[in-house]
Protein backbone atom coordinates (compact mmCIF):
# COMPACT_ATOMS: atom_id res chain seq x y z
CA UNK A 1 0.00 0.00 0.00
CA UNK A 2 1.41 3.40 -0.89
CA UNK A 3 2.16 5.83 1.92
CA UNK A 4 0.32 9.13 2.19
CA UNK A 5 3.32 10.84 0.62
CA UNK A 6 2.96 8.77 -2.54
CA UNK A 7 -0.80 9.33 -2.83
CA UNK A 8 -2.15 11.86 -5.29
CA UNK A 9 -3.67 14.96 -3.73
CA UNK A 10 -4.52 16.86 -6.90
CA UNK A 11 -4.48 16.34 -10.65
CA UNK A 12 -3.84 19.16 -13.07
CA UNK A 13 -6.22 19.46 -16.03
CA UNK A 14 -3.26 19.29 -18.40
CA UNK A 15 -2.35 15.81 -17.14
CA UNK A 16 -4.89 14.13 -19.42
CA UNK A 17 -5.08 16.65 -22.22
CA UNK A 18 -4.90 14.85 -25.54
CA UNK A 19 -5.98 11.52 -24.09
CA UNK A 20 -8.89 11.34 -26.49
CA UNK A 21 -9.25 7.55 -26.37
CA UNK A 22 -9.20 7.22 -22.57
CA UNK A 23 -12.14 4.99 -21.55
CA UNK A 24 -11.46 4.08 -17.90
CA UNK A 25 -9.68 6.21 -15.31
CA UNK A 26 -9.03 4.81 -11.84
CA UNK A 27 -8.07 7.41 -9.23
CA UNK A 28 -9.13 5.37 -6.23
CA UNK A 29 -7.16 5.15 -2.99
CA UNK A 30 -5.70 8.66 -3.18
CA UNK A 31 -6.20 11.88 -1.22
CA UNK A 32 -7.94 13.92 -3.90
CA UNK A 33 -9.87 17.02 -2.94
CA UNK A 34 -10.76 17.99 -6.53
CA UNK A 35 -11.56 16.10 -9.69
CA UNK A 36 -10.03 16.94 -13.11
CA UNK A 37 -12.91 16.82 -15.55
CA UNK A 38 -12.26 19.20 -18.43
CA UNK A 39 -9.81 16.83 -20.13
CA UNK A 40 -11.92 13.70 -19.45
CA UNK A 41 -14.85 14.30 -21.77
CA UNK A 42 -14.54 10.87 -23.43
CA UNK A 43 -14.04 8.79 -20.27
CA UNK A 44 -16.80 6.22 -19.78
CA UNK A 45 -15.80 4.93 -16.36
CA UNK A 46 -14.36 6.99 -13.49
CA UNK A 47 -13.36 5.39 -10.17
CA UNK A 48 -12.87 7.76 -7.25
CA UNK A 49 -13.43 5.35 -4.38
CA UNK A 50 -11.38 5.54 -1.17
CA UNK A 51 -10.30 9.14 -1.48
CA UNK A 52 -10.52 9.92 2.21
CA UNK A 53 -10.09 13.68 1.80
CA UNK A 54 -12.99 13.91 -0.63
CA UNK A 55 -15.72 15.16 1.71
CA UNK A 56 -17.56 17.42 -0.70
CA UNK A 57 -17.93 17.97 -4.43
CA UNK A 58 -18.27 21.29 -6.20
CA UNK A 59 -21.42 22.02 -8.15
CA UNK A 60 -21.32 20.64 -11.70
CA UNK A 61 -17.94 19.02 -11.04
CA UNK A 62 -18.78 16.30 -13.55
CA UNK A 63 -20.51 18.56 -16.09
CA UNK A 64 -17.95 17.89 -18.85
CA UNK A 65 -18.06 14.09 -18.52
CA UNK A 66 -20.90 13.70 -20.98
CA UNK A 67 -19.80 10.20 -22.09
CA UNK A 68 -19.51 8.81 -18.56
CA UNK A 69 -21.36 5.51 -18.01
CA UNK A 70 -20.02 4.46 -14.59
CA UNK A 71 -19.10 6.67 -11.64
CA UNK A 72 -17.74 5.11 -8.45
CA UNK A 73 -17.60 7.33 -5.35
CA UNK A 74 -17.58 4.46 -2.86
CA UNK A 75 -16.12 5.02 0.64
CA UNK A 76 -15.29 8.66 0.63
CA UNK A 77 -16.41 11.20 3.22
CA UNK A 78 -19.18 12.85 1.29
CA UNK A 79 -21.84 14.35 3.55
CA UNK A 80 -24.06 15.98 0.92
CA UNK A 81 -24.51 16.38 -2.84
CA UNK A 82 -25.10 19.60 -4.78
CA UNK A 83 -28.42 19.60 -6.61
CA UNK A 84 -26.87 19.88 -10.08
CA UNK A 85 -23.87 17.60 -9.56
CA UNK A 86 -25.07 14.97 -12.07
CA UNK A 87 -26.96 17.34 -14.38
CA UNK A 88 -25.01 16.53 -17.58
CA UNK A 89 -24.45 12.81 -16.99
CA UNK A 90 -27.24 11.71 -19.29
CA UNK A 91 -25.39 8.52 -20.30
CA UNK A 92 -24.63 7.35 -16.77
CA UNK A 93 -25.71 3.75 -16.11
CA UNK A 94 -24.03 2.91 -12.81
CA UNK A 95 -23.64 5.24 -9.79
CA UNK A 96 -21.90 4.11 -6.60
CA UNK A 97 -22.35 6.38 -3.58
CA UNK A 98 -22.24 3.75 -0.85
CA UNK A 99 -20.19 3.96 2.36
CA UNK A 100 -20.13 7.73 2.60
CA UNK A 101 -21.69 9.98 5.26
CA UNK A 102 -24.58 11.37 3.22
CA UNK A 103 -27.56 12.31 5.39
CA UNK A 104 -29.69 14.22 2.89
CA UNK A 105 -30.44 13.90 -0.82
CA UNK A 106 -31.88 17.02 -2.48
CA UNK A 107 -35.03 16.48 -4.50
CA UNK A 108 -34.09 16.46 -8.18
CA UNK A 109 -30.45 15.41 -7.73
CA UNK A 110 -31.01 12.31 -9.91
CA UNK A 111 -33.46 13.86 -12.42
CA UNK A 112 -31.06 13.86 -15.39
CA UNK A 113 -30.08 10.19 -14.98
CA UNK A 114 -32.76 8.70 -17.21
CA UNK A 115 -30.46 5.84 -18.31
CA UNK A 116 -29.26 4.83 -14.86
CA UNK A 117 -29.52 1.07 -14.24
CA UNK A 118 -28.00 0.77 -10.76
CA UNK A 119 -27.96 3.20 -7.84
CA UNK A 120 -25.95 2.27 -4.76
CA UNK A 121 -26.74 4.39 -1.66
CA UNK A 122 -26.12 1.84 1.09
CA UNK A 123 -24.09 2.47 4.25
CA UNK A 124 -24.83 6.17 4.51
CA UNK A 125 -26.78 8.20 7.06
CA UNK A 126 -29.85 8.99 5.00
CA UNK A 127 -32.76 9.94 7.24
CA UNK A 128 -35.48 10.68 4.71
CA UNK A 129 -36.32 10.31 1.03
CA UNK A 130 -38.35 12.88 -0.89
CA UNK A 131 -41.43 11.28 -2.56
CA UNK A 132 -40.26 12.38 -6.04
CA UNK A 133 -36.54 11.59 -5.55
CA UNK A 134 -36.50 8.62 -7.96
CA UNK A 135 -39.38 9.63 -10.27
CA UNK A 136 -37.17 10.37 -13.29
CA UNK A 137 -35.12 7.18 -13.01
CA UNK A 138 -37.12 5.39 -15.70
CA UNK A 139 -34.44 2.78 -16.44
CA UNK A 140 -33.40 1.95 -12.88
CA UNK A 141 -33.26 -1.80 -12.18
CA UNK A 142 -31.30 -2.11 -8.93
CA UNK A 143 -31.71 0.20 -5.92
CA UNK A 144 -29.66 -0.32 -2.77
CA UNK A 145 -30.55 1.62 0.38
CA UNK A 146 -29.52 -0.82 3.11
CA UNK A 147 -27.77 0.36 6.30
CA UNK A 148 -29.17 3.87 6.46
CA UNK A 149 -31.40 5.61 9.04
CA UNK A 150 -34.72 5.62 7.18
CA UNK A 151 -37.77 5.51 9.45
CA UNK A 152 -40.42 5.45 6.72
CA UNK A 153 -40.94 5.35 2.95
CA UNK A 154 -43.15 8.09 1.51
CA UNK A 155 -46.15 7.22 -0.60
CA UNK A 156 -45.28 7.35 -4.30
CA UNK A 157 -41.53 6.86 -3.76
CA UNK A 158 -41.36 4.15 -6.44
CA UNK A 159 -44.01 5.64 -8.71
CA UNK A 160 -43.50 4.74 -12.40
CA UNK A 161 -40.28 2.80 -11.72
CA UNK A 162 -41.53 0.06 -14.01
CA UNK A 163 -38.12 -1.52 -14.67
CA UNK A 164 -37.08 -2.00 -11.05
CA UNK A 165 -35.83 -5.55 -10.37
CA UNK A 166 -34.13 -5.41 -6.98
CA UNK A 167 -34.80 -3.24 -3.92
CA UNK A 168 -32.68 -3.53 -0.77
CA UNK A 169 -33.92 -1.73 2.36
CA UNK A 170 -32.25 -3.94 4.96
CA UNK A 171 -30.99 -2.53 8.24
CA UNK A 172 -32.91 0.70 8.46
CA UNK A 173 -35.38 1.95 11.10
CA UNK A 174 -38.55 1.57 9.04
CA UNK A 175 -41.47 1.10 11.43
CA UNK A 176 -44.38 1.27 9.00
CA UNK A 177 -45.12 1.06 5.27
CA UNK A 178 -47.87 2.79 3.33
CA UNK A 179 -50.05 0.05 1.88
CA UNK A 180 -49.40 1.24 -1.71
CA UNK A 181 -45.69 2.04 -1.50
CA UNK A 182 -44.76 -1.01 -3.63
CA UNK A 183 -47.75 -0.85 -5.96
CA UNK A 184 -46.85 -0.87 -9.63
CA UNK A 185 -43.55 -2.72 -9.15
CA UNK A 186 -44.63 -5.64 -11.30
CA UNK A 187 -41.08 -6.60 -12.34
CA UNK A 188 -39.33 -6.64 -8.97
CA UNK A 189 -37.63 -9.99 -8.34
CA UNK A 190 -36.12 -9.34 -4.91
CA UNK A 191 -37.34 -7.18 -2.01
CA UNK A 192 -35.30 -7.03 1.18
CA UNK A 193 -36.72 -5.47 4.36
CA UNK A 194 -34.65 -7.34 6.94
CA UNK A 195 -33.73 -5.83 10.30
CA UNK A 196 -36.16 -2.96 10.41
CA UNK A 197 -38.83 -2.05 12.99
CA UNK A 198 -41.92 -3.32 11.19
CA UNK A 199 -44.64 -4.59 13.51
CA UNK A 200 -47.50 -4.94 11.03
CA UNK A 201 -48.19 -5.15 7.29
CA UNK A 202 -51.25 -4.30 5.20
CA UNK A 203 -52.99 -7.12 3.33
CA UNK A 204 -52.36 -5.22 0.03
CA UNK A 205 -48.71 -4.54 0.83
CA UNK A 206 -47.28 -6.84 -1.87
CA UNK A 207 -50.32 -6.95 -4.15
CA UNK A 208 -48.55 -5.99 -7.41
CA UNK A 209 -45.26 -7.86 -6.89
CA UNK A 210 -46.30 -10.64 -9.24
CA UNK A 211 -42.72 -11.38 -10.40
CA UNK A 212 -41.22 -11.46 -6.89
CA UNK A 213 -39.01 -14.48 -6.20
CA UNK A 214 -37.34 -13.54 -2.91
CA UNK A 215 -38.86 -11.65 0.03
CA UNK A 216 -36.90 -10.92 3.22
CA UNK A 217 -38.89 -9.79 6.26
CA UNK A 218 -36.61 -11.25 8.92
CA UNK A 219 -35.46 -9.29 11.94
CA UNK A 220 -38.64 -7.28 12.45
CA UNK A 221 -41.42 -7.25 15.07
CA UNK A 222 -44.24 -8.77 13.04
CA UNK A 223 -46.67 -10.62 15.33
CA UNK A 224 -49.39 -11.57 12.85
CA UNK A 225 -49.68 -12.03 9.09
CA UNK A 226 -52.72 -10.30 7.55
CA UNK A 227 -55.11 -12.33 5.43
CA UNK A 228 -54.07 -12.75 1.77
CA UNK A 229 -50.73 -10.96 2.30
CA UNK A 230 -48.90 -13.30 -0.11
CA UNK A 231 -51.87 -14.21 -2.32
CA UNK A 232 -50.44 -12.78 -5.56
CA UNK A 233 -46.84 -13.92 -5.05
CA UNK A 234 -47.37 -17.05 -7.08
CA UNK A 235 -43.75 -17.44 -8.23
CA UNK A 236 -42.07 -16.55 -4.92
CA UNK A 237 -39.39 -19.13 -4.09
CA UNK A 238 -37.92 -17.82 -0.81
CA UNK A 239 -39.79 -16.24 2.12
CA UNK A 240 -37.76 -15.25 5.17
CA UNK A 241 -39.74 -14.52 8.37
CA UNK A 242 -36.97 -15.39 10.83
CA UNK A 243 -36.58 -13.39 14.03
CA UNK A 244 -40.04 -11.90 14.28
CA UNK A 245 -42.73 -12.08 16.98
CA UNK A 246 -45.10 -14.50 15.25
CA UNK A 247 -47.05 -16.43 17.86
CA UNK A 248 -49.60 -18.06 15.58
CA UNK A 249 -50.20 -19.01 11.96
CA UNK A 250 -53.43 -19.35 10.02
CA UNK A 251 -54.25 -21.96 7.35
CA UNK A 252 -54.68 -19.03 4.92
CA UNK A 253 -51.34 -17.35 5.60
CA UNK A 254 -49.46 -19.05 2.77
CA UNK A 255 -52.24 -19.44 0.20
CA UNK A 256 -50.94 -18.59 -3.28
CA UNK A 257 -47.33 -19.56 -2.66
CA UNK A 258 -47.47 -22.53 -4.98
CA UNK A 259 -43.82 -22.20 -6.10
CA UNK A 260 -42.31 -21.53 -2.67
CA UNK A 261 -39.19 -23.62 -2.07
CA UNK A 262 -37.88 -22.20 1.20
CA UNK A 263 -39.84 -20.95 4.23
CA UNK A 264 -37.88 -19.59 7.17
CA UNK A 265 -39.75 -19.25 10.48
CA UNK A 266 -36.84 -19.62 12.91
CA UNK A 267 -36.72 -17.58 16.14
CA UNK A 268 -40.38 -16.70 16.47
CA UNK A 269 -42.87 -17.47 19.24
CA UNK A 270 -44.99 -20.13 17.55
CA UNK A 271 -46.60 -22.49 20.05
CA UNK A 272 -49.11 -24.27 17.81
CA UNK A 273 -49.53 -24.66 14.04
CA UNK A 274 -52.88 -25.67 12.49
CA UNK A 275 -52.66 -28.99 10.66
CA UNK A 276 -53.35 -27.53 7.17
CA UNK A 277 -51.06 -24.48 7.40
CA UNK A 278 -48.53 -25.85 4.90
CA UNK A 279 -50.90 -27.85 2.70
CA UNK A 280 -50.67 -25.39 -0.23
CA UNK A 281 -46.87 -25.50 -0.36
CA UNK A 282 -46.49 -28.41 -2.76
CA UNK A 283 -43.01 -27.34 -3.96
CA UNK A 284 -41.47 -26.59 -0.58
CA UNK A 285 -37.91 -27.92 -0.13
CA UNK A 286 -36.79 -26.31 3.14
CA UNK A 287 -38.94 -25.60 6.21
CA UNK A 288 -37.12 -24.00 9.13
CA UNK A 289 -38.95 -23.83 12.46
CA UNK A 290 -36.00 -23.67 14.83
CA UNK A 291 -36.23 -21.88 18.17
CA UNK A 292 -39.97 -21.47 18.64
CA UNK A 293 -42.27 -22.60 21.45
CA UNK A 294 -43.70 -25.70 19.76
CA UNK A 295 -44.68 -28.37 22.28
CA UNK A 296 -46.57 -30.65 19.89
CA UNK A 297 -47.11 -31.23 16.17
CA UNK A 298 -50.32 -32.29 14.45
CA UNK A 299 -49.85 -35.67 12.68
CA UNK A 300 -51.00 -34.17 9.36
CA UNK A 301 -48.90 -30.99 9.56
CA UNK A 302 -46.27 -32.11 7.02
CA UNK A 303 -48.37 -34.70 5.17
CA UNK A 304 -48.46 -32.89 1.81
CA UNK A 305 -44.86 -31.67 1.71
CA UNK A 306 -43.80 -34.46 -0.60
CA UNK A 307 -40.78 -32.54 -1.99
CA UNK A 308 -39.41 -31.37 1.36
CA UNK A 309 -35.69 -32.14 1.77
CA UNK A 310 -34.90 -30.27 5.01
CA UNK A 311 -36.93 -29.84 8.20
CA UNK A 312 -35.52 -28.03 11.22
CA UNK A 313 -37.49 -28.41 14.46
CA UNK A 314 -34.55 -27.80 16.77
CA UNK A 315 -34.71 -25.76 19.98
CA UNK A 316 -38.43 -26.08 20.59
CA UNK A 317 -40.33 -27.70 23.48
CA UNK A 318 -41.38 -30.94 21.82
CA UNK A 319 -41.83 -33.72 24.37
CA UNK A 320 -43.73 -36.17 22.17
CA UNK A 321 -44.08 -36.99 18.47
CA UNK A 322 -47.15 -38.61 16.94
CA UNK A 323 -46.37 -41.89 15.10
CA UNK A 324 -47.49 -40.43 11.75
CA UNK A 325 -46.00 -36.94 12.12
CA UNK A 326 -43.46 -37.50 9.31
CA UNK A 327 -45.78 -39.46 7.06
CA UNK A 328 -45.37 -38.23 3.48
CA UNK A 329 -41.84 -36.85 3.88
CA UNK A 330 -40.42 -39.45 1.53
CA UNK A 331 -37.78 -37.10 0.10
CA UNK A 332 -36.52 -35.65 3.38
CA UNK A 333 -32.71 -35.62 3.56
CA UNK A 334 -32.06 -33.56 6.69
CA UNK A 335 -33.95 -33.47 10.00
CA UNK A 336 -33.13 -31.63 13.21
CA UNK A 337 -34.85 -32.42 16.50
CA UNK A 338 -32.01 -30.96 18.52
CA UNK A 339 -32.60 -29.33 21.91
CA UNK A 340 -36.17 -30.37 22.57
CA UNK A 341 -37.65 -32.27 25.54
CA UNK A 342 -37.97 -35.70 23.99
CA UNK A 343 -37.52 -38.61 26.40
CA UNK A 344 -38.54 -41.37 24.03
CA UNK A 345 -40.03 -41.93 20.60
CA UNK A 346 -42.94 -44.10 19.55
CA UNK A 347 -42.40 -47.02 17.21
CA UNK A 348 -42.02 -46.29 13.51
CA UNK A 349 -41.92 -42.46 13.82
CA UNK A 350 -38.84 -42.25 11.61
CA UNK A 351 -39.74 -45.11 9.27
CA UNK A 352 -41.27 -42.92 6.49
CA UNK A 353 -37.94 -41.07 6.08
CA UNK A 354 -36.41 -43.49 3.59
CA UNK A 355 -34.03 -40.91 2.06
CA UNK A 356 -32.81 -39.38 5.30
CA UNK A 357 -29.08 -38.58 5.22
CA UNK A 358 -28.55 -36.50 8.36
CA UNK A 359 -30.44 -36.30 11.66
CA UNK A 360 -29.67 -34.35 14.85
CA UNK A 361 -31.19 -35.88 18.00
CA UNK A 362 -28.80 -34.32 20.51
CA UNK A 363 -29.60 -32.24 23.60
CA UNK A 364 -32.87 -33.97 24.39
CA UNK A 365 -33.91 -35.76 27.59
CA UNK A 366 -33.69 -39.35 26.31
CA UNK A 367 -34.46 -41.68 29.20
CA UNK A 368 -32.05 -44.62 29.33
CA UNK A 369 -34.00 -46.94 31.59
CA UNK A 370 -37.46 -46.52 30.10
CA UNK A 371 -38.94 -49.28 27.97
CA UNK A 372 -40.05 -46.55 25.58
CA UNK A 373 -36.43 -45.72 24.71
CA UNK A 374 -36.12 -49.04 22.86
CA UNK A 375 -37.29 -47.84 19.44
CA UNK A 376 -35.08 -44.76 19.16
CA UNK A 377 -32.11 -46.61 20.64
CA UNK A 378 -32.40 -49.34 18.03
CA UNK A 379 -32.92 -46.80 15.26
CA UNK A 380 -29.77 -44.94 16.31
CA UNK A 381 -27.80 -48.19 16.32
CA UNK A 382 -29.03 -49.01 12.84
CA UNK A 383 -28.30 -45.54 11.40
CA UNK A 384 -25.10 -44.38 13.08
CA UNK A 385 -23.81 -42.93 9.83
CA UNK A 386 -26.70 -40.43 9.72
CA UNK A 387 -26.12 -38.87 13.13
CA UNK A 388 -25.01 -35.24 13.09
CA UNK A 389 -24.11 -35.35 16.79
CA UNK A 390 -24.02 -37.97 19.49
CA UNK A 391 -27.33 -38.14 21.41
CA UNK A 392 -27.08 -38.79 25.14
CA UNK A 393 -29.63 -40.59 27.32
CA UNK A 394 -30.14 -40.07 31.04
CA UNK A 395 -31.16 -42.10 34.05
CA UNK A 396 -33.72 -40.44 36.30
CA UNK A 397 -34.29 -40.92 40.00
CA UNK A 398 -37.83 -41.12 41.45
CA UNK A 399 -37.66 -37.37 42.08
CA UNK A 400 -37.11 -36.89 38.31
CA UNK A 401 -33.60 -35.57 38.74
CA UNK A 402 -30.81 -36.70 36.45
CA UNK A 403 -28.48 -39.20 38.04
CA UNK A 404 -26.21 -40.24 35.15
CA UNK A 405 -25.93 -40.07 31.39
CA UNK A 406 -24.92 -42.47 28.64
CA UNK A 407 -24.53 -42.43 24.91
CA UNK A 408 -27.87 -43.34 23.34
CA UNK A 409 -26.04 -45.98 21.29
CA UNK A 410 -25.44 -47.81 24.56
CA UNK A 411 -28.53 -47.42 26.77
CA UNK A 412 -29.26 -49.41 29.89
CA UNK A 413 -30.24 -52.66 28.22
CA UNK A 414 -28.63 -56.12 28.18
CA UNK A 415 -25.88 -56.81 25.60
CA UNK A 416 -28.06 -59.58 24.14
CA UNK A 417 -30.74 -57.02 23.33
CA UNK A 418 -28.25 -54.61 21.74
CA UNK A 419 -26.86 -57.38 19.53
CA UNK A 420 -30.34 -58.49 18.58
CA UNK A 421 -31.31 -54.93 17.67
CA UNK A 422 -28.29 -54.44 15.42
CA UNK A 423 -28.52 -57.87 13.79
CA UNK A 424 -32.09 -57.07 12.70
CA UNK A 425 -31.25 -53.67 11.22
CA UNK A 426 -33.22 -54.36 8.09
CA UNK A 427 -36.28 -55.71 9.93
CA UNK A 428 -38.88 -53.10 10.92
CA UNK A 429 -41.90 -55.37 11.29
CA UNK A 430 -44.20 -55.31 14.28
CA UNK A 431 -43.13 -58.91 15.01
CA UNK A 432 -39.54 -57.76 15.39
CA UNK A 433 -40.58 -55.04 17.84
CA UNK A 434 -42.66 -57.53 19.81
CA UNK A 435 -39.69 -59.90 20.04
CA UNK A 436 -37.46 -57.12 21.33
CA UNK A 437 -40.06 -56.17 23.90
CA UNK A 438 -40.24 -59.78 25.09
CA UNK A 439 -36.45 -59.90 25.41
CA UNK A 440 -36.50 -56.72 27.43
CA UNK A 441 -39.17 -58.06 29.75
CA UNK A 442 -37.17 -61.24 30.27
CA UNK A 443 -34.19 -59.11 31.19
CA UNK A 444 -36.10 -57.07 33.77
CA UNK A 445 -37.58 -60.25 35.30
CA UNK A 446 -34.13 -61.81 35.50
CA UNK A 447 -32.60 -58.90 37.38
CA UNK A 448 -35.58 -58.14 39.63
CA UNK A 449 -35.30 -59.31 43.28
CA UNK A 450 -37.23 -62.50 44.07
């Protein structure tokens, strides 16, 4: 890295005079306080990023750069922009203003940029946006406003921005949205609203986003989903609702999401899910329900998720699983039941999962000495290669306190029973289970005092 002494502080206009074929000029990483523009009329790309002494720009500083297509002002110390700074840049397609200290954008500052495709304004200190700020940006496709200090979006902000494809509003302070703020954005593919202060949404909020494929609402304070919120998002593939305050779901919440492949509901407050909540999600591949308050699951909850490959139920309060709870999950590859309150598992609970490749059963309360531990113990012995972590079982005293722990592969059962379990790894018939039960009973009778 060059020392400050070797960095350029100013460039004379004569330095580039005669450079008529110059297309790309990179002046990044210097200490410029002015920009030489008169001799750069034919330059199409100008990089001025990382000029730490560049904290302001004179009015019309780029007025001679009429051929410019890309302007990079990333990571300077700009605090404001003159109204007419981009007035002659009618060919500009890419404008990078991220990682500065801009707090205010004057209305009209982007009005001449009718060909702009990408506008990067992230990592600034922008507090407010004028309703007409982007009105003239007819060609804009990508708009990045993440990591600012926005508290709201004015009605009409995206009016007539018919070509917009991607909008990033992550990590702001947005607490509410006008119900029509996204109306008309029929070509948007990705909308990111993560880590804001949203507590509620209007049922028409996403009405016109018919091309949307990815929607991020994680890291907010949403407690309830309004009816028909996602009704028109028929090609949405990813919906992120992690880290919200959802305590309940309705069977109508996900109606319309026929192409959804990933649904993230981790770190909410869900305590019960109606049995038909996910029945419309025929193409779902990943369902993440980690760290909620689920204590039970309806046996038909996952019955229609025939294409599901990953199910995360870790860090809930599950103490019992219905025998048919995983019925229909014939393509499931990955299952997490980590950190629940399971002490045992009923026979055949895991039998429908023929394609299972990885399962996490750790950090539960598996009870070593209970007859009911037999099924899961045998299953673990048969499928050691699928274990993500080593599950431990415990012995409980009459007062229900833990007295000792053992690896679930080696519970408190006679060696004969363990060998019998492993030798019949391919046998899952009820007769096999009955035979094991009889062996176990013989063992208990043999060791009981006369």
